[in-house]
C-alpha cells in the first residue's frame, strides 16, 4: 500500500475544517479549526478507504470514456435496429471486464 496522502485524507474526511500542510507528512500539519486536531494514527487509519475510493473513481472515469467509445455506438445501433441488445450488453460487459474495480481494502 502506498504512503498516506494527508491532503486527500483531510479533503475527504475533514470537509469544512481549516488546516494547512507544510510538506507531505503529518509533522507539517497546521490545524486551524476549533475542533481537535486529528492524530496521525486517525489519519493513517482513513488512508485505505480514501485510497480505495480514489482508485474506484479512476476506474469509473476510465469506464466512462470506454463506454463512450466502445459500447455507446453499439447502443445507438441497437436503437436503430442495426444491432441487438445482446451485442450492446456484451460491449458493456467487455468494458467492465477490461476495467475491473480494485479489491476492497
PDB file of N, CA and C in Angstrom:
ATOM      1  N   UNK A   1       0.847  -1.176   0.000  1.00  0.00           N
ATOM      2  CA  UNK A   1       0.000   0.000   0.000  1.00  0.00           C
ATOM      3  C   UNK A   1       0.894   1.241   0.000  1.00  0.00           C
ATOM      4  N   UNK A   2       0.415   2.261  -0.625  1.00  0.00           N
ATOM      5  CA  UNK A   2       1.184   3.496  -0.725  1.00  0.00           C
ATOM      6  C   UNK A   2       1.146   4.273   0.585  1.00  0.00           C
ATOM      7  N   UNK A   3       2.024   5.241   0.674  1.00  0.00           N
ATOM      8  CA  UNK A   3       2.068   6.111   1.853  1.00  0.00           C
ATOM      9  C   UNK A   3       0.804   6.955   1.922  1.00  0.00           C
ATOM     10  N   UNK A   4       0.326   7.250   3.124  1.00  0.00           N
ATOM     11  CA  UNK A   4      -0.880   8.078   3.242  1.00  0.00           C
ATOM     12  C   UNK A   4      -0.692   9.453   2.597  1.00  0.00           C
ATOM     13  N   UNK A   5      -1.705   9.881   1.896  1.00  0.00           N
ATOM     14  CA  UNK A   5      -1.735  11.219   1.296  1.00  0.00           C
ATOM     15  C   UNK A   5      -2.638  12.069   2.185  1.00  0.00           C
ATOM     16  N   UNK A   6      -2.015  12.853   3.051  1.00  0.00           N
ATOM     17  CA  UNK A   6      -2.781  13.599   4.051  1.00  0.00           C
ATOM     18  C   UNK A   6      -3.679  14.664   3.439  1.00  0.00           C
ATOM     19  N   UNK A   7      -3.297  15.209   2.318  1.00  0.00           N
ATOM     20  CA  UNK A   7      -4.158  16.193   1.651  1.00  0.00           C
ATOM     21  C   UNK A   7      -5.463  15.520   1.219  1.00  0.00           C
ATOM     22  N   UNK A   8      -5.359  14.344   0.627  1.00  0.00           N
ATOM     23  CA  UNK A   8      -6.562  13.625   0.209  1.00  0.00           C
ATOM     24  C   UNK A   8      -7.406  13.203   1.404  1.00  0.00           C
ATOM     25  N   UNK A   9      -6.754  12.697   2.443  1.00  0.00           N
ATOM     26  CA  UNK A   9      -7.484  12.265   3.632  1.00  0.00           C
ATOM     27  C   UNK A   9      -8.222  13.438   4.255  1.00  0.00           C
ATOM     28  N   UNK A  10      -7.522  14.533   4.470  1.00  0.00           N
ATOM     29  CA  UNK A  10      -8.142  15.705   5.096  1.00  0.00           C
ATOM     30  C   UNK A  10      -9.244  16.273   4.209  1.00  0.00           C
ATOM     31  N   UNK A  11      -9.019  16.267   2.906  1.00  0.00           N
ATOM     32  CA  UNK A  11     -10.012  16.798   1.986  1.00  0.00           C
ATOM     33  C   UNK A  11     -11.292  15.984   1.955  1.00  0.00           C
ATOM     34  N   UNK A  12     -11.175  14.675   2.154  1.00  0.00           N
ATOM     35  CA  UNK A  12     -12.357  13.812   2.116  1.00  0.00           C
ATOM     36  C   UNK A  12     -12.998  13.610   3.484  1.00  0.00           C
ATOM     37  N   UNK A  13     -12.202  13.544   4.520  1.00  0.00           N
ATOM     38  CA  UNK A  13     -12.733  13.181   5.835  1.00  0.00           C
ATOM     39  C   UNK A  13     -12.909  14.357   6.789  1.00  0.00           C
ATOM     40  N   UNK A  14     -12.364  15.496   6.452  1.00  0.00           N
ATOM     41  CA  UNK A  14     -12.466  16.663   7.329  1.00  0.00           C
ATOM     42  C   UNK A  14     -12.957  17.866   6.540  1.00  0.00           C
ATOM     43  N   UNK A  15     -14.032  17.642   5.801  1.00  0.00           N
ATOM     44  CA  UNK A  15     -14.640  18.684   4.977  1.00  0.00           C
ATOM     45  C   UNK A  15     -15.105  19.810   5.896  1.00  0.00           C
ATOM     46  N   UNK A  16     -14.787  21.026   5.513  1.00  0.00           N
ATOM     47  CA  UNK A  16     -15.210  22.185   6.293  1.00  0.00           C
ATOM     48  C   UNK A  16     -14.228  22.578   7.387  1.00  0.00           C
ATOM     49  N   UNK A  17     -13.233  21.749   7.629  1.00  0.00           N
ATOM     50  CA  UNK A  17     -12.215  22.089   8.629  1.00  0.00           C
ATOM     51  C   UNK A  17     -11.108  22.893   7.960  1.00  0.00           C
ATOM     52  N   UNK A  18     -10.487  23.731   8.742  1.00  0.00           N
ATOM     53  CA  UNK A  18      -9.397  24.549   8.202  1.00  0.00           C
ATOM     54  C   UNK A  18      -8.062  24.004   8.686  1.00  0.00           C
ATOM     55  N   UNK A  19      -7.166  23.860   7.747  1.00  0.00           N
ATOM     56  CA  UNK A  19      -5.854  23.323   8.043  1.00  0.00           C
ATOM     57  C   UNK A  19      -4.885  23.738   6.945  1.00  0.00           C
ATOM     58  N   UNK A  20      -3.624  23.566   7.207  1.00  0.00           N
ATOM     59  CA  UNK A  20      -2.573  23.780   6.206  1.00  0.00           C
ATOM     60  C   UNK A  20      -1.578  22.643   6.387  1.00  0.00           C
ATOM     61  N   UNK A  21      -0.917  22.302   5.309  1.00  0.00           N
ATOM     62  CA  UNK A  21       0.064  21.232   5.377  1.00  0.00           C
ATOM     63  C   UNK A  21       1.352  21.716   4.736  1.00  0.00           C
ATOM     64  N   UNK A  22       2.386  21.761   5.528  1.00  0.00           N
ATOM     65  CA  UNK A  22       3.710  22.165   5.061  1.00  0.00           C
ATOM     66  C   UNK A  22       4.492  20.882   4.788  1.00  0.00           C
ATOM     67  N   UNK A  23       4.642  20.552   3.526  1.00  0.00           N
ATOM     68  CA  UNK A  23       5.273  19.289   3.151  1.00  0.00           C
ATOM     69  C   UNK A  23       4.217  18.234   2.941  1.00  0.00           C
ATOM     70  N   UNK A  24       4.622  16.967   3.059  1.00  0.00           N
ATOM     71  CA  UNK A  24       3.656  15.900   2.816  1.00  0.00           C
ATOM     72  C   UNK A  24       3.564  14.906   3.967  1.00  0.00           C
ATOM     73  N   UNK A  25       4.043  15.298   5.144  1.00  0.00           N
ATOM     74  CA  UNK A  25       3.915  14.387   6.278  1.00  0.00           C
ATOM     75  C   UNK A  25       3.171  15.052   7.432  1.00  0.00           C
ATOM     76  N   UNK A  26       2.797  14.245   8.388  1.00  0.00           N
ATOM     77  CA  UNK A  26       1.950  14.707   9.482  1.00  0.00           C
ATOM     78  C   UNK A  26       2.588  15.854  10.271  1.00  0.00           C
ATOM     79  N   UNK A  27       3.894  15.836  10.406  1.00  0.00           N
ATOM     80  CA  UNK A  27       4.580  16.881  11.176  1.00  0.00           C
ATOM     81  C   UNK A  27       4.327  18.274  10.611  1.00  0.00           C
ATOM     82  N   UNK A  28       3.995  18.357   9.337  1.00  0.00           N
ATOM     83  CA  UNK A  28       3.735  19.653   8.718  1.00  0.00           C
ATOM     84  C   UNK A  28       2.284  20.099   8.796  1.00  0.00           C
ATOM     85  N   UNK A  29       1.426  19.334   9.486  1.00  0.00           N
ATOM     86  CA  UNK A  29       0.001  19.679   9.571  1.00  0.00           C
ATOM     87  C   UNK A  29      -0.217  20.781  10.599  1.00  0.00           C
ATOM     88  N   UNK A  30      -0.756  21.878  10.134  1.00  0.00           N
ATOM     89  CA  UNK A  30      -1.122  23.001  10.993  1.00  0.00           C
ATOM     90  C   UNK A  30      -2.648  23.018  11.054  1.00  0.00           C
ATOM     91  N   UNK A  31      -3.199  22.786  12.225  1.00  0.00           N
ATOM     92  CA  UNK A  31      -4.642  22.701  12.406  1.00  0.00           C
ATOM     93  C   UNK A  31      -5.178  24.070  12.780  1.00  0.00           C
ATOM     94  N   UNK A  32      -6.072  24.609  11.951  1.00  0.00           N
ATOM     95  CA  UNK A  32      -6.579  25.962  12.132  1.00  0.00           C
ATOM     96  C   UNK A  32      -8.023  25.994  12.639  1.00  0.00           C
ATOM     97  N   UNK A  33      -8.682  24.847  12.678  1.00  0.00           N
ATOM     98  CA  UNK A  33     -10.071  24.778  13.119  1.00  0.00           C
ATOM     99  C   UNK A  33     -10.151  24.707  14.636  1.00  0.00           C
ATOM    100  N   UNK A  34     -11.339  24.992  15.155  1.00  0.00           N
ATOM    101  CA  UNK A  34     -11.573  24.926  16.595  1.00  0.00           C
ATOM    102  C   UNK A  34     -11.717  23.496  17.099  1.00  0.00           C
ATOM    103  N   UNK A  35     -11.963  22.571  16.196  1.00  0.00           N
ATOM    104  CA  UNK A  35     -12.101  21.169  16.578  1.00  0.00           C
ATOM    105  C   UNK A  35     -10.722  20.589  16.889  1.00  0.00           C
ATOM    106  N   UNK A  36     -10.697  19.479  17.621  1.00  0.00           N
ATOM    107  CA  UNK A  36      -9.391  18.879  17.935  1.00  0.00           C
ATOM    108  C   UNK A  36      -8.666  18.413  16.666  1.00  0.00           C
ATOM    109  N   UNK A  37      -7.388  18.606  16.660  1.00  0.00           N
ATOM    110  CA  UNK A  37      -6.554  18.156  15.536  1.00  0.00           C
ATOM    111  C   UNK A  37      -6.533  16.632  15.536  1.00  0.00           C
ATOM    112  N   UNK A  38      -6.797  16.015  14.395  1.00  0.00           N
ATOM    113  CA  UNK A  38      -6.736  14.550  14.347  1.00  0.00           C
ATOM    114  C   UNK A  38      -5.299  14.071  14.552  1.00  0.00           C
ATOM    115  N   UNK A  39      -5.180  12.906  15.135  1.00  0.00           N
ATOM    116  CA  UNK A  39      -3.850  12.334  15.329  1.00  0.00           C
ATOM    117  C   UNK A  39      -3.364  11.703  14.032  1.00  0.00           C
ATOM    118  N   UNK A  40      -2.077  11.456  13.977  1.00  0.00           N
ATOM    119  CA  UNK A  40      -1.531  10.786  12.800  1.00  0.00           C
ATOM    120  C   UNK A  40      -2.148   9.398  12.657  1.00  0.00           C
ATOM    121  N   UNK A  41      -2.360   8.706  13.768  1.00  0.00           N
ATOM    122  CA  UNK A  41      -2.964   7.374  13.722  1.00  0.00           C
ATOM    123  C   UNK A  41      -4.385   7.435  13.154  1.00  0.00           C
ATOM    124  N   UNK A  42      -5.147   8.462  13.522  1.00  0.00           N
ATOM    125  CA  UNK A  42      -6.502   8.612  12.983  1.00  0.00           C
ATOM    126  C   UNK A  42      -6.461   8.824  11.476  1.00  0.00           C
ATOM    127  N   UNK A  43      -5.570   9.700  11.032  1.00  0.00           N
ATOM    128  CA  UNK A  43      -5.457   9.965   9.600  1.00  0.00           C
ATOM    129  C   UNK A  43      -4.978   8.726   8.850  1.00  0.00           C
ATOM    130  N   UNK A  44      -3.982   8.058   9.402  1.00  0.00           N
ATOM    131  CA  UNK A  44      -3.454   6.854   8.758  1.00  0.00           C
ATOM    132  C   UNK A  44      -4.529   5.770   8.640  1.00  0.00           C
ATOM    133  N   UNK A  45      -5.416   5.684   9.624  1.00  0.00           N
ATOM    134  CA  UNK A  45      -6.479   4.676   9.594  1.00  0.00           C
ATOM    135  C   UNK A  45      -7.462   4.933   8.458  1.00  0.00           C
ATOM    136  N   UNK A  46      -7.620   6.184   8.061  1.00  0.00           N
ATOM    137  CA  UNK A  46      -8.520   6.519   6.957  1.00  0.00           C
ATOM    138  C   UNK A  46      -7.910   6.223   5.584  1.00  0.00           C
ATOM    139  N   UNK A  47      -6.595   6.106   5.513  1.00  0.00           N
ATOM    140  CA  UNK A  47      -5.925   6.018   4.216  1.00  0.00           C
ATOM    141  C   UNK A  47      -6.414   4.863   3.336  1.00  0.00           C
ATOM    142  N   UNK A  48      -6.562   3.637   3.840  1.00  0.00           N
ATOM    143  CA  UNK A  48      -7.014   2.567   2.941  1.00  0.00           C
ATOM    144  C   UNK A  48      -8.356   2.894   2.265  1.00  0.00           C
ATOM    145  N   UNK A  49      -9.285   3.470   3.004  1.00  0.00           N
ATOM    146  CA  UNK A  49     -10.591   3.828   2.444  1.00  0.00           C
ATOM    147  C   UNK A  49     -10.466   4.945   1.411  1.00  0.00           C
ATOM    148  N   UNK A  50      -9.705   5.975   1.738  1.00  0.00           N
ATOM    149  CA  UNK A  50      -9.535   7.109   0.827  1.00  0.00           C
ATOM    150  C   UNK A  50      -8.815   6.659  -0.443  1.00  0.00           C
ATOM    151  N   UNK A  51      -7.779   5.867  -0.288  1.00  0.00           N
ATOM    152  CA  UNK A  51      -7.031   5.361  -1.446  1.00  0.00           C
ATOM    153  C   UNK A  51      -7.937   4.485  -2.317  1.00  0.00           C
ATOM    154  N   UNK A  52      -8.718   3.612  -1.694  1.00  0.00           N
ATOM    155  CA  UNK A  52      -9.658   2.765  -2.434  1.00  0.00           C
ATOM    156  C   UNK A  52     -10.668   3.618  -3.194  1.00  0.00           C
ATOM    157  N   UNK A  53     -11.233   4.617  -2.540  1.00  0.00           N
ATOM    158  CA  UNK A  53     -12.214   5.492  -3.198  1.00  0.00           C
ATOM    159  C   UNK A  53     -11.605   6.193  -4.403  1.00  0.00           C
ATOM    160  N   UNK A  54     -10.353   6.611  -4.285  1.00  0.00           N
ATOM    161  CA  UNK A  54      -9.675   7.243  -5.426  1.00  0.00           C
ATOM    162  C   UNK A  54      -9.474   6.257  -6.572  1.00  0.00           C
ATOM    163  N   UNK A  55      -9.114   5.019  -6.242  1.00  0.00           N
ATOM    164  CA  UNK A  55      -8.939   4.002  -7.272  1.00  0.00           C
ATOM    165  C   UNK A  55     -10.263   3.697  -7.978  1.00  0.00           C
ATOM    166  N   UNK A  56     -11.343   3.612  -7.204  1.00  0.00           N
ATOM    167  CA  UNK A  56     -12.667   3.359  -7.787  1.00  0.00           C
ATOM    168  C   UNK A  56     -13.054   4.510  -8.705  1.00  0.00           C
ATOM    169  N   UNK A  57     -12.812   5.739  -8.261  1.00  0.00           N
ATOM    170  CA  UNK A  57     -13.144   6.905  -9.090  1.00  0.00           C
ATOM    171  C   UNK A  57     -12.365   6.882 -10.397  1.00  0.00           C
ATOM    172  N   UNK A  58     -11.106   6.461 -10.345  1.00  0.00           N
ATOM    173  CA  UNK A  58     -10.301   6.377 -11.567  1.00  0.00           C
ATOM    174  C   UNK A  58     -10.850   5.312 -12.513  1.00  0.00           C
ATOM    175  N   UNK A  59     -11.262   4.168 -11.972  1.00  0.00           N
ATOM    176  CA  UNK A  59     -11.852   3.114 -12.807  1.00  0.00           C
ATOM    177  C   UNK A  59     -13.144   3.615 -13.430  1.00  0.00           C
ATOM    178  N   UNK A  60     -13.968   4.295 -12.642  1.00  0.00           N
ATOM    179  CA  UNK A  60     -15.231   4.800 -13.179  1.00  0.00           C
ATOM    180  C   UNK A  60     -15.002   5.806 -14.299  1.00  0.00           C
ATOM    181  N   UNK A  61     -13.992   6.647 -14.169  1.00  0.00           N
ATOM    182  CA  UNK A  61     -13.693   7.604 -15.235  1.00  0.00           C
ATOM    183  C   UNK A  61     -13.194   6.881 -16.487  1.00  0.00           C
ATOM    184  N   UNK A  62     -12.347   5.892 -16.295  1.00  0.00           N
ATOM    185  CA  UNK A  62     -11.841   5.106 -17.422  1.00  0.00           C
ATOM    186  C   UNK A  62     -12.985   4.367 -18.111  1.00  0.00           C
ATOM    187  N   UNK A  63     -13.881   3.791 -17.298  1.00  0.00           N
ATOM    188  CA  UNK A  63     -15.043   3.101 -17.873  1.00  0.00           C
ATOM    189  C   UNK A  63     -15.922   4.065 -18.659  1.00  0.00           C
ATOM    190  N   UNK A  64     -16.156   5.245 -18.117  1.00  0.00           N
ATOM    191  CA  UNK A  64     -16.999   6.221 -18.808  1.00  0.00           C
ATOM    192  C   UNK A  64     -16.434   6.519 -20.195  1.00  0.00           C
ATOM    193  N   UNK A  65     -15.149   6.762 -20.262  1.00  0.00           N
ATOM    194  CA  UNK A  65     -14.507   7.029 -21.549  1.00  0.00           C
ATOM    195  C   UNK A  65     -14.637   5.829 -22.484  1.00  0.00           C
ATOM    196  N   UNK A  66     -14.436   4.641 -21.937  1.00  0.00           N
ATOM    197  CA  UNK A  66     -14.535   3.426 -22.752  1.00  0.00           C
ATOM    198  C   UNK A  66     -15.969   3.179 -23.212  1.00  0.00           C
ATOM    199  N   UNK A  67     -16.935   3.427 -22.336  1.00  0.00           N
ATOM    200  CA  UNK A  67     -18.342   3.269 -22.753  1.00  0.00           C
ATOM    201  C   UNK A  67     -18.644   4.193 -23.935  1.00  0.00           C
ATOM    202  N   UNK A  68     -18.190   5.429 -23.842  1.00  0.00           N
ATOM    203  CA  UNK A  68     -18.461   6.397 -24.914  1.00  0.00           C
ATOM    204  C   UNK A  68     -17.878   5.931 -26.242  1.00  0.00           C
ATOM    205  N   UNK A  69     -16.702   5.311 -26.185  1.00  0.00           N
ATOM    206  CA  UNK A  69     -16.038   4.887 -27.420  1.00  0.00           C
ATOM    207  C   UNK A  69     -16.483   3.514 -27.903  1.00  0.00           C
ATOM    208  N   UNK A  70     -16.778   2.601 -26.964  1.00  0.00           N
ATOM    209  CA  UNK A  70     -16.990   1.206 -27.350  1.00  0.00           C
ATOM    210  C   UNK A  70     -18.444   0.753 -27.299  1.00  0.00           C
ATOM    211  N   UNK A  71     -19.138   1.039 -26.214  1.00  0.00           N
ATOM    212  CA  UNK A  71     -20.490   0.480 -26.099  1.00  0.00           C
ATOM    213  C   UNK A  71     -21.598   1.442 -26.519  1.00  0.00           C
ATOM    214  N   UNK A  72     -21.383   2.748 -26.366  1.00  0.00           N
ATOM    215  CA  UNK A  72     -22.424   3.695 -26.785  1.00  0.00           C
ATOM    216  C   UNK A  72     -22.752   3.578 -28.273  1.00  0.00           C
ATOM    217  N   UNK A  73     -21.757   3.458 -29.149  1.00  0.00           N
ATOM    218  CA  UNK A  73     -22.097   3.302 -30.561  1.00  0.00           C
ATOM    219  C   UNK A  73     -22.951   2.053 -30.825  1.00  0.00           C
ATOM    220  N   UNK A  74     -22.672   0.973 -30.088  1.00  0.00           N
ATOM    221  CA  UNK A  74     -23.466  -0.242 -30.257  1.00  0.00           C
ATOM    222  C   UNK A  74     -24.888  -0.010 -29.739  1.00  0.00           C
ATOM    223  N   UNK A  75     -24.997   0.740 -28.646  1.00  0.00           N
ATOM    224  CA  UNK A  75     -26.327   1.059 -28.116  1.00  0.00           C
ATOM    225  C   UNK A  75     -27.159   1.802 -29.160  1.00  0.00           C
ATOM    226  N   UNK A  76     -26.573   2.800 -29.799  1.00  0.00           N
ATOM    227  CA  UNK A  76     -27.316   3.566 -30.788  1.00  0.00           C
ATOM    228  C   UNK A  76     -27.644   2.722 -32.025  1.00  0.00           C
ATOM    229  N   UNK A  77     -26.749   1.808 -32.381  1.00  0.00           N
ATOM    230  CA  UNK A  77     -27.061   0.873 -33.474  1.00  0.00           C
ATOM    231  C   UNK A  77     -28.243  -0.009 -33.080  1.00  0.00           C
ATOM    232  N   UNK A  78     -28.260  -0.453 -31.827  1.00  0.00           N
ATOM    233  CA  UNK A  78     -29.362  -1.270 -31.337  1.00  0.00           C
ATOM    234  C   UNK A  78     -30.672  -0.477 -31.410  1.00  0.00           C
ATOM    235  N   UNK A  79     -30.627   0.790 -31.032  1.00  0.00           N
ATOM    236  CA  UNK A  79     -31.826   1.620 -31.059  1.00  0.00           C
ATOM    237  C   UNK A  79     -32.354   1.808 -32.486  1.00  0.00           C
ATOM    238  N   UNK A  80     -31.427   1.799 -33.453  1.00  0.00           N
ATOM    239  CA  UNK A  80     -31.825   1.940 -34.865  1.00  0.00           C
ATOM    240  C   UNK A  80     -32.199   0.605 -35.506  1.00  0.00           C
ATOM    241  N   UNK A  81     -31.966  -0.477 -34.777  1.00  0.00           N
ATOM    242  CA  UNK A  81     -32.263  -1.791 -35.329  1.00  0.00           C
ATOM    243  C   UNK A  81     -31.108  -2.409 -36.082  1.00  0.00           C
ATOM    244  N   UNK A  82     -29.907  -1.810 -35.975  1.00  0.00           N
ATOM    245  CA  UNK A  82     -28.736  -2.309 -36.687  1.00  0.00           C
ATOM    246  C   UNK A  82     -27.857  -3.225 -35.840  1.00  0.00           C
ATOM    247  N   UNK A  83     -28.224  -3.414 -34.584  1.00  0.00           N
ATOM    248  CA  UNK A  83     -27.505  -4.307 -33.674  1.00  0.00           C
ATOM    249  C   UNK A  83     -28.527  -4.854 -32.683  1.00  0.00           C
ATOM    250  N   UNK A  84     -28.120  -5.842 -31.934  1.00  0.00           N
ATOM    251  CA  UNK A  84     -29.036  -6.428 -30.960  1.00  0.00           C
ATOM    252  C   UNK A  84     -28.724  -5.918 -29.556  1.00  0.00           C
ATOM    253  N   UNK A  85     -29.696  -6.091 -28.688  1.00  0.00           N
ATOM    254  CA  UNK A  85     -29.465  -5.723 -27.281  1.00  0.00           C
ATOM    255  C   UNK A  85     -28.320  -6.551 -26.713  1.00  0.00           C
ATOM    256  N   UNK A  86     -28.248  -7.804 -27.105  1.00  0.00           N
ATOM    257  CA  UNK A  86     -27.176  -8.674 -26.632  1.00  0.00           C
ATOM    258  C   UNK A  86     -25.804  -8.132 -27.038  1.00  0.00           C
ATOM    259  N   UNK A  87     -25.668  -7.650 -28.256  1.00  0.00           N
ATOM    260  CA  UNK A  87     -24.389  -7.069 -28.700  1.00  0.00           C
ATOM    261  C   UNK A  87     -24.020  -5.867 -27.840  1.00  0.00           C
ATOM    262  N   UNK A  88     -25.006  -5.038 -27.528  1.00  0.00           N
ATOM    263  CA  UNK A  88     -24.743  -3.874 -26.675  1.00  0.00           C
ATOM    264  C   UNK A  88     -24.325  -4.333 -25.277  1.00  0.00           C
ATOM    265  N   UNK A  89     -25.057  -5.270 -24.696  1.00  0.00           N
ATOM    266  CA  UNK A  89     -24.733  -5.761 -23.350  1.00  0.00           C
ATOM    267  C   UNK A  89     -23.341  -6.415 -23.327  1.00  0.00           C
ATOM    268  N   UNK A  90     -22.977  -7.090 -24.378  1.00  0.00           N
ATOM    269  CA  UNK A  90     -21.642  -7.682 -24.470  1.00  0.00           C
ATOM    270  C   UNK A  90     -20.570  -6.598 -24.534  1.00  0.00           C
ATOM    271  N   UNK A  91     -20.851  -5.506 -25.247  1.00  0.00           N
ATOM    272  CA  UNK A  91     -19.894  -4.397 -25.319  1.00  0.00           C
ATOM    273  C   UNK A  91     -19.711  -3.757 -23.945  1.00  0.00           C
ATOM    274  N   UNK A  92     -20.798  -3.619 -23.213  1.00  0.00           N
ATOM    275  CA  UNK A  92     -20.716  -3.069 -21.849  1.00  0.00           C
ATOM    276  C   UNK A  92     -19.923  -4.020 -20.958  1.00  0.00           C
ATOM    277  N   UNK A  93     -20.213  -5.303 -21.042  1.00  0.00           N
ATOM    278  CA  UNK A  93     -19.513  -6.295 -20.228  1.00  0.00           C
ATOM    279  C   UNK A  93     -18.014  -6.311 -20.525  1.00  0.00           C
ATOM    280  N   UNK A  94     -17.668  -6.121 -21.793  1.00  0.00           N
ATOM    281  CA  UNK A  94     -16.253  -6.091 -22.171  1.00  0.00           C
ATOM    282  C   UNK A  94     -15.544  -4.906 -21.517  1.00  0.00           C
ATOM    283  N   UNK A  95     -16.188  -3.745 -21.509  1.00  0.00           N
ATOM    284  CA  UNK A  95     -15.605  -2.569 -20.857  1.00  0.00           C
ATOM    285  C   UNK A  95     -15.390  -2.853 -19.371  1.00  0.00           C
ATOM    286  N   UNK A  96     -16.388  -3.438 -18.734  1.00  0.00           N
ATOM    287  CA  UNK A  96     -16.263  -3.749 -17.304  1.00  0.00           C
ATOM    288  C   UNK A  96     -15.147  -4.755 -17.054  1.00  0.00           C
ATOM    289  N   UNK A  97     -15.051  -5.761 -17.894  1.00  0.00           N
ATOM    290  CA  UNK A  97     -14.012  -6.782 -17.718  1.00  0.00           C
ATOM    291  C   UNK A  97     -12.608  -6.202 -17.912  1.00  0.00           C
ATOM    292  N   UNK A  98     -12.485  -5.263 -18.842  1.00  0.00           N
ATOM    293  CA  UNK A  98     -11.180  -4.656 -19.109  1.00  0.00           C
ATOM    294  C   UNK A  98     -10.794  -3.614 -18.067  1.00  0.00           C
ATOM    295  N   UNK A  99     -11.769  -3.156 -17.278  1.00  0.00           N
ATOM    296  CA  UNK A  99     -11.530  -2.112 -16.275  1.00  0.00           C
ATOM    297  C   UNK A  99     -12.173  -2.525 -14.952  1.00  0.00           C
ATOM    298  N   UNK A 100     -11.613  -3.542 -14.304  1.00  0.00           N
ATOM    299  CA  UNK A 100     -12.225  -4.023 -13.067  1.00  0.00           C
ATOM    300  C   UNK A 100     -11.973  -3.073 -11.889  1.00  0.00           C
ATOM    301  N   UNK A 101     -12.874  -3.156 -10.929  1.00  0.00           N
ATOM    302  CA  UNK A 101     -12.676  -2.394  -9.696  1.00  0.00           C
ATOM    303  C   UNK A 101     -11.554  -3.046  -8.887  1.00  0.00           C
ATOM    304  N   UNK A 102     -10.851  -2.251  -8.106  1.00  0.00           N
ATOM    305  CA  UNK A 102      -9.811  -2.837  -7.248  1.00  0.00           C
ATOM    306  C   UNK A 102     -10.458  -3.644  -6.121  1.00  0.00           C
ATOM    307  N   UNK A 103      -9.724  -4.561  -5.539  1.00  0.00           N
ATOM    308  CA  UNK A 103     -10.278  -5.291  -4.403  1.00  0.00           C
ATOM    309  C   UNK A 103     -10.498  -4.330  -3.236  1.00  0.00           C
ATOM    310  N   UNK A 104     -11.552  -4.538  -2.505  1.00  0.00           N
ATOM    311  CA  UNK A 104     -11.867  -3.677  -1.361  1.00  0.00           C
ATOM    312  C   UNK A 104     -10.786  -3.845  -0.288  1.00  0.00           C
ATOM    313  N   UNK A 105     -10.527  -2.766   0.441  1.00  0.00           N
ATOM    314  CA  UNK A 105      -9.479  -2.879   1.488  1.00  0.00           C
ATOM    315  C   UNK A 105      -9.891  -3.787   2.618  1.00  0.00           C
TER     316      UNK A 105
END
